[in-house]
Structure formats: structure tokens, C-alpha cells
Amino acid sequence: MNTKFILAGMCLAIAAISLTISSHTARAIDGDALTGLCGDVYRVTDTAQCQGYVEGIADVMSGGDSIASYKACFAKATSDEQILSAVEDYLRDAADEGADPAPRLVAKALTRAFPCRPVT
């Protein structure tokens, strides 16, 4: 197959994904909306948005900042997959909290999965 056609196809795919993601306006989402993004492994753009959302909150928390009074402490060996899995598990188990703001639910999930040790 011609390399130019492969590259052109890849560029079109990247452009389509970028337009899909950038066409969404910035807005606060709730737990139900985040669960929808995280739960459909067959929709690549939703999965990417879920990962980006969760990893963004984890990144803020890993810098020592709290979110909605929740604080998490990550070991150096903590992987993105472990972080995402902890949040997905929490969202599944706490479906009754779906109307709560997504940042609070992600922070709560990360605090439970990666608690900070008390300073003695």
C-alpha cells in the first residue's frame, strides 16, 4: 500500500479526533457523565477523555494539592492504569453519588485508593 495514503489516512483520523475533542466546551461534569466516558471501551474518544480527566486530577493531587478537601499520596511506582482502575472501580461502586461533581468523586476515589500516611 502506498505510504502517502497511509499517512494521509492517519492525519485525517487525528484531525477527526481533535475536532471531536475540541468541539466540546469546557464545563463541569458530574459522576454519571464521567462514568459514561470511562465505561465505553469501544469509543476511543470517550476513553481518552476519561483518562485525561482522571490523570489531570491525579496530577494536581500528586503535587500535594487537595481537591474538595481530599488528598492522595502516590508511590513513585503507581501507574496510570492503577489510578484509572481505582477511579473506575469507585464510580461503579458509588453509582448513587452520580449527581455529585466529577472532580470530587475522582479525588475521593484517589484518596481511598492512595491514602496519605499521617505524619508522626
N, C-alpha and C. Protein backbone atom coordinates (compact mmCIF):
# COMPACT_ATOMS: atom_id res chain seq x y z
N MET A 1 0.85 -1.18 0.00
CA MET A 1 0.00 0.00 0.00
C MET A 1 0.89 1.24 0.00
N ASN A 2 0.44 2.26 -0.64
CA ASN A 2 1.21 3.48 -0.79
C ASN A 2 1.35 4.20 0.55
N THR A 3 2.57 4.56 0.89
CA THR A 3 2.85 5.24 2.15
C THR A 3 2.12 6.57 2.27
N LYS A 4 1.96 7.27 1.15
CA LYS A 4 1.27 8.56 1.18
C LYS A 4 -0.19 8.38 1.60
N PHE A 5 -0.84 7.32 1.14
CA PHE A 5 -2.22 7.08 1.51
C PHE A 5 -2.34 6.73 2.99
N ILE A 6 -1.39 5.97 3.49
CA ILE A 6 -1.40 5.61 4.92
C ILE A 6 -1.23 6.86 5.77
N LEU A 7 -0.25 7.69 5.41
CA LEU A 7 -0.03 8.93 6.17
C LEU A 7 -1.23 9.87 6.08
N ALA A 8 -1.82 9.97 4.91
CA ALA A 8 -3.00 10.83 4.75
C ALA A 8 -4.15 10.32 5.61
N GLY A 9 -4.34 9.02 5.65
CA GLY A 9 -5.40 8.44 6.48
C GLY A 9 -5.16 8.68 7.95
N MET A 10 -3.91 8.54 8.37
CA MET A 10 -3.58 8.79 9.78
C MET A 10 -3.82 10.25 10.13
N CYS A 11 -3.45 11.16 9.26
CA CYS A 11 -3.67 12.59 9.50
C CYS A 11 -5.16 12.90 9.61
N LEU A 12 -5.95 12.31 8.73
CA LEU A 12 -7.40 12.53 8.79
C LEU A 12 -7.99 11.99 10.09
N ALA A 13 -7.54 10.84 10.52
CA ALA A 13 -8.04 10.26 11.77
C ALA A 13 -7.69 11.15 12.95
N ILE A 14 -6.45 11.63 13.00
CA ILE A 14 -6.03 12.51 14.09
C ILE A 14 -6.83 13.81 14.06
N ALA A 15 -7.05 14.36 12.90
CA ALA A 15 -7.82 15.59 12.78
C ALA A 15 -9.26 15.38 13.25
N ALA A 16 -9.84 14.26 12.89
CA ALA A 16 -11.22 13.97 13.31
C ALA A 16 -11.33 13.85 14.82
N ILE A 17 -10.38 13.16 15.43
CA ILE A 17 -10.39 13.02 16.88
C ILE A 17 -10.18 14.38 17.54
N SER A 18 -9.27 15.19 17.02
CA SER A 18 -9.00 16.51 17.59
C SER A 18 -10.23 17.39 17.50
N LEU A 19 -10.92 17.36 16.37
CA LEU A 19 -12.14 18.16 16.22
C LEU A 19 -13.22 17.70 17.17
N THR A 20 -13.34 16.40 17.35
CA THR A 20 -14.35 15.87 18.26
C THR A 20 -14.07 16.32 19.68
N ILE A 21 -12.83 16.23 20.11
CA ILE A 21 -12.48 16.61 21.47
C ILE A 21 -12.58 18.11 21.65
N SER A 22 -12.09 18.90 20.70
CA SER A 22 -12.08 20.35 20.86
C SER A 22 -13.46 20.96 20.66
N SER A 23 -14.39 20.25 20.08
CA SER A 23 -15.73 20.81 19.87
C SER A 23 -16.54 20.84 21.16
N HIS A 24 -16.08 20.14 22.17
CA HIS A 24 -16.77 20.18 23.46
C HIS A 24 -16.33 21.41 24.22
N THR A 25 -17.31 22.14 24.76
CA THR A 25 -16.96 23.31 25.54
C THR A 25 -16.58 22.87 26.95
N ALA A 26 -15.75 23.68 27.58
CA ALA A 26 -15.34 23.37 28.95
C ALA A 26 -16.56 23.50 29.86
N ARG A 27 -16.78 22.48 30.65
CA ARG A 27 -17.92 22.51 31.56
C ARG A 27 -17.66 21.51 32.68
N ALA A 28 -18.29 21.77 33.79
CA ALA A 28 -18.18 20.83 34.90
C ALA A 28 -19.08 19.64 34.57
N ILE A 29 -18.59 18.46 34.84
CA ILE A 29 -19.40 17.28 34.61
C ILE A 29 -19.65 16.59 35.93
N ASP A 30 -20.67 15.77 35.95
CA ASP A 30 -20.97 15.03 37.17
C ASP A 30 -20.46 13.59 37.04
N GLY A 31 -20.63 12.84 38.11
CA GLY A 31 -20.15 11.47 38.14
C GLY A 31 -20.79 10.58 37.08
N ASP A 32 -22.07 10.81 36.81
CA ASP A 32 -22.74 10.00 35.79
C ASP A 32 -22.11 10.22 34.41
N ALA A 33 -21.81 11.48 34.09
CA ALA A 33 -21.20 11.78 32.79
C ALA A 33 -19.80 11.17 32.70
N LEU A 34 -19.04 11.25 33.80
CA LEU A 34 -17.70 10.66 33.79
C LEU A 34 -17.78 9.15 33.68
N THR A 35 -18.73 8.55 34.36
CA THR A 35 -18.92 7.10 34.25
C THR A 35 -19.22 6.71 32.82
N GLY A 36 -20.01 7.52 32.13
CA GLY A 36 -20.31 7.26 30.72
C GLY A 36 -19.07 7.32 29.86
N LEU A 37 -18.20 8.29 30.13
CA LEU A 37 -16.95 8.40 29.37
C LEU A 37 -16.02 7.23 29.66
N CYS A 38 -15.95 6.84 30.91
CA CYS A 38 -15.00 5.80 31.31
C CYS A 38 -15.50 4.39 31.01
N GLY A 39 -16.79 4.24 30.86
CA GLY A 39 -17.35 2.91 30.75
C GLY A 39 -17.42 2.30 29.37
N ASP A 40 -17.23 3.11 28.34
CA ASP A 40 -17.38 2.58 26.99
C ASP A 40 -16.02 2.42 26.32
N VAL A 41 -15.44 1.25 26.47
CA VAL A 41 -14.09 1.00 25.93
C VAL A 41 -14.07 0.96 24.41
N TYR A 42 -15.23 0.93 23.78
CA TYR A 42 -15.29 0.86 22.33
C TYR A 42 -15.31 2.23 21.67
N ARG A 43 -15.44 3.28 22.47
CA ARG A 43 -15.42 4.64 21.93
C ARG A 43 -14.10 5.29 22.32
N VAL A 44 -13.18 5.34 21.42
CA VAL A 44 -11.82 5.78 21.69
C VAL A 44 -11.79 7.21 22.24
N THR A 45 -12.58 8.11 21.68
CA THR A 45 -12.54 9.50 22.15
C THR A 45 -13.06 9.60 23.58
N ASP A 46 -14.09 8.83 23.93
CA ASP A 46 -14.60 8.85 25.30
C ASP A 46 -13.56 8.31 26.27
N THR A 47 -12.93 7.20 25.90
CA THR A 47 -11.90 6.61 26.76
C THR A 47 -10.75 7.59 26.96
N ALA A 48 -10.35 8.27 25.91
CA ALA A 48 -9.25 9.25 26.01
C ALA A 48 -9.65 10.41 26.90
N GLN A 49 -10.89 10.87 26.79
CA GLN A 49 -11.35 11.96 27.65
C GLN A 49 -11.39 11.51 29.10
N CYS A 50 -11.83 10.30 29.36
CA CYS A 50 -11.86 9.76 30.71
C CYS A 50 -10.45 9.73 31.29
N GLN A 51 -9.52 9.16 30.54
CA GLN A 51 -8.14 9.06 31.02
C GLN A 51 -7.55 10.43 31.27
N GLY A 52 -7.76 11.34 30.36
CA GLY A 52 -7.22 12.69 30.52
C GLY A 52 -7.80 13.40 31.73
N TYR A 53 -9.09 13.22 31.93
CA TYR A 53 -9.76 13.86 33.07
C TYR A 53 -9.21 13.32 34.39
N VAL A 54 -9.17 12.01 34.51
CA VAL A 54 -8.69 11.37 35.74
C VAL A 54 -7.21 11.68 35.98
N GLU A 55 -6.40 11.57 34.93
CA GLU A 55 -4.97 11.82 35.09
C GLU A 55 -4.69 13.28 35.41
N GLY A 56 -5.51 14.19 34.91
CA GLY A 56 -5.35 15.61 35.24
C GLY A 56 -5.57 15.86 36.72
N ILE A 57 -6.62 15.27 37.26
CA ILE A 57 -6.90 15.42 38.69
C ILE A 57 -5.81 14.74 39.51
N ALA A 58 -5.38 13.57 39.10
CA ALA A 58 -4.31 12.87 39.81
C ALA A 58 -3.02 13.68 39.78
N ASP A 59 -2.75 14.33 38.67
CA ASP A 59 -1.55 15.14 38.55
C ASP A 59 -1.57 16.30 39.54
N VAL A 60 -2.71 16.96 39.66
CA VAL A 60 -2.84 18.05 40.63
C VAL A 60 -2.63 17.53 42.04
N MET A 61 -3.25 16.38 42.34
CA MET A 61 -3.13 15.81 43.68
C MET A 61 -1.73 15.30 43.97
N SER A 62 -1.03 14.84 42.95
CA SER A 62 0.33 14.33 43.17
C SER A 62 1.30 15.45 43.51
N GLY A 63 0.92 16.67 43.19
CA GLY A 63 1.74 17.82 43.54
C GLY A 63 1.52 18.28 44.97
N GLY A 64 0.68 17.56 45.71
CA GLY A 64 0.43 17.90 47.11
C GLY A 64 -0.83 18.73 47.33
N ASP A 65 -1.51 19.08 46.26
CA ASP A 65 -2.74 19.87 46.39
C ASP A 65 -3.92 18.97 46.68
N SER A 66 -4.88 19.50 47.43
CA SER A 66 -6.11 18.74 47.68
C SER A 66 -7.19 19.26 46.74
N ILE A 67 -8.15 18.41 46.50
CA ILE A 67 -9.32 18.77 45.69
C ILE A 67 -10.54 18.42 46.52
N ALA A 68 -11.40 19.42 46.73
CA ALA A 68 -12.61 19.24 47.55
C ALA A 68 -12.26 18.62 48.91
N SER A 69 -11.18 19.06 49.47
CA SER A 69 -10.64 18.62 50.77
C SER A 69 -10.14 17.18 50.78
N TYR A 70 -10.00 16.57 49.63
CA TYR A 70 -9.43 15.22 49.53
C TYR A 70 -7.96 15.33 49.11
N LYS A 71 -7.14 14.48 49.70
CA LYS A 71 -5.71 14.49 49.41
C LYS A 71 -5.27 13.04 49.19
N ALA A 72 -4.47 12.81 48.17
CA ALA A 72 -3.97 11.47 47.88
C ALA A 72 -2.45 11.52 47.82
N CYS A 73 -1.83 10.39 48.12
CA CYS A 73 -0.38 10.27 48.06
C CYS A 73 -0.04 9.05 47.21
N PHE A 74 0.69 9.28 46.15
CA PHE A 74 1.02 8.22 45.20
C PHE A 74 2.47 7.78 45.38
N ALA A 75 2.67 6.48 45.35
CA ALA A 75 4.04 5.95 45.35
C ALA A 75 4.64 6.22 43.98
N LYS A 76 5.95 6.27 43.92
CA LYS A 76 6.60 6.53 42.63
C LYS A 76 6.25 5.47 41.59
N ALA A 77 5.99 4.26 42.04
CA ALA A 77 5.71 3.16 41.12
C ALA A 77 4.23 3.09 40.70
N THR A 78 3.40 4.01 41.18
CA THR A 78 1.98 4.00 40.83
C THR A 78 1.82 4.28 39.34
N SER A 79 1.12 3.39 38.66
CA SER A 79 0.94 3.55 37.21
C SER A 79 -0.37 4.28 36.89
N ASP A 80 -0.44 4.82 35.68
CA ASP A 80 -1.68 5.45 35.22
C ASP A 80 -2.82 4.44 35.21
N GLU A 81 -2.51 3.19 34.89
CA GLU A 81 -3.53 2.14 34.87
C GLU A 81 -4.11 1.90 36.26
N GLN A 82 -3.25 1.93 37.29
CA GLN A 82 -3.73 1.75 38.66
C GLN A 82 -4.63 2.91 39.07
N ILE A 83 -4.25 4.11 38.69
CA ILE A 83 -5.04 5.30 39.02
C ILE A 83 -6.40 5.22 38.34
N LEU A 84 -6.41 4.93 37.05
CA LEU A 84 -7.66 4.85 36.30
C LEU A 84 -8.54 3.73 36.82
N SER A 85 -7.96 2.59 37.13
CA SER A 85 -8.71 1.46 37.64
C SER A 85 -9.36 1.79 38.98
N ALA A 86 -8.64 2.48 39.86
CA ALA A 86 -9.19 2.86 41.16
C ALA A 86 -10.40 3.76 41.00
N VAL A 87 -10.32 4.69 40.06
CA VAL A 87 -11.44 5.61 39.83
C VAL A 87 -12.62 4.88 39.20
N GLU A 88 -12.36 4.06 38.20
CA GLU A 88 -13.44 3.31 37.56
C GLU A 88 -14.15 2.40 38.57
N ASP A 89 -13.38 1.73 39.42
CA ASP A 89 -13.98 0.87 40.45
C ASP A 89 -14.85 1.69 41.39
N TYR A 90 -14.35 2.85 41.80
CA TYR A 90 -15.12 3.68 42.73
C TYR A 90 -16.41 4.17 42.07
N LEU A 91 -16.32 4.62 40.83
CA LEU A 91 -17.52 5.11 40.14
C LEU A 91 -18.57 4.00 40.02
N ARG A 92 -18.13 2.78 39.78
CA ARG A 92 -19.06 1.65 39.69
C ARG A 92 -19.71 1.39 41.05
N ASP A 93 -18.90 1.40 42.10
CA ASP A 93 -19.40 1.09 43.44
C ASP A 93 -20.24 2.20 44.04
N ALA A 94 -20.03 3.43 43.60
CA ALA A 94 -20.72 4.59 44.18
C ALA A 94 -21.69 5.20 43.18
N ALA A 95 -22.42 4.36 42.49
CA ALA A 95 -23.35 4.85 41.46
C ALA A 95 -24.38 5.81 42.04
N ASP A 96 -24.71 5.67 43.32
CA ASP A 96 -25.69 6.57 43.95
C ASP A 96 -25.15 7.99 44.12
N GLU A 97 -23.85 8.20 43.91
CA GLU A 97 -23.25 9.52 44.00
C GLU A 97 -23.07 10.16 42.63
N GLY A 98 -23.70 9.60 41.63
CA GLY A 98 -23.51 10.04 40.25
C GLY A 98 -23.82 11.49 39.97
N ALA A 99 -24.68 12.10 40.76
CA ALA A 99 -25.03 13.51 40.54
C ALA A 99 -23.98 14.45 41.14
N ASP A 100 -23.07 13.92 41.94
CA ASP A 100 -22.02 14.75 42.54
C ASP A 100 -21.02 15.19 41.48
N PRO A 101 -20.33 16.29 41.72
CA PRO A 101 -19.33 16.76 40.75
C PRO A 101 -18.23 15.72 40.53
N ALA A 102 -17.87 15.52 39.29
CA ALA A 102 -16.85 14.52 38.94
C ALA A 102 -15.50 14.78 39.61
N PRO A 103 -15.04 16.05 39.71
CA PRO A 103 -13.74 16.24 40.37
C PRO A 103 -13.73 15.73 41.81
N ARG A 104 -14.82 15.95 42.52
CA ARG A 104 -14.91 15.47 43.90
C ARG A 104 -14.89 13.95 43.95
N LEU A 105 -15.61 13.30 43.05
CA LEU A 105 -15.65 11.83 43.05
C LEU A 105 -14.30 11.23 42.69
N VAL A 106 -13.61 11.82 41.73
CA VAL A 106 -12.29 11.32 41.37
C VAL A 106 -11.33 11.51 42.54
N ALA A 107 -11.36 12.69 43.16
CA ALA A 107 -10.48 12.95 44.30
C ALA A 107 -10.79 12.01 45.46
N LYS A 108 -12.05 11.75 45.69
CA LYS A 108 -12.46 10.83 46.76
C LYS A 108 -11.95 9.41 46.46
N ALA A 109 -12.10 8.99 45.22
CA ALA A 109 -11.63 7.66 44.81
C ALA A 109 -10.13 7.53 45.00
N LEU A 110 -9.40 8.56 44.59
CA LEU A 110 -7.94 8.51 44.70
C LEU A 110 -7.49 8.57 46.16
N THR A 111 -8.21 9.31 46.99
CA THR A 111 -7.87 9.38 48.41
C THR A 111 -8.06 8.02 49.08
N ARG A 112 -9.11 7.33 48.70
CA ARG A 112 -9.35 5.99 49.26
C ARG A 112 -8.35 4.96 48.76
N ALA A 113 -8.00 5.06 47.51
CA ALA A 113 -7.07 4.07 46.94
C ALA A 113 -5.62 4.37 47.29
N PHE A 114 -5.29 5.64 47.45
CA PHE A 114 -3.90 6.05 47.70
C PHE A 114 -3.85 7.03 48.88
N PRO A 115 -4.18 6.53 50.08
CA PRO A 115 -4.22 7.42 51.25
C PRO A 115 -2.83 7.90 51.65
N CYS A 116 -2.80 9.08 52.23
CA CYS A 116 -1.55 9.61 52.77
C CYS A 116 -1.35 9.07 54.17
N ARG A 117 -0.13 8.80 54.49
CA ARG A 117 0.19 8.34 55.84
C ARG A 117 0.27 9.54 56.76
N PRO A 118 -0.26 9.41 57.97
CA PRO A 118 -0.15 10.54 58.91
C PRO A 118 1.31 10.81 59.28
N VAL A 119 1.62 12.07 59.39
CA VAL A 119 2.96 12.47 59.78
C VAL A 119 3.09 12.31 61.28
N THR A 120 4.14 11.60 61.72
CA THR A 120 4.31 11.40 63.17
C THR A 120 5.51 12.12 63.69
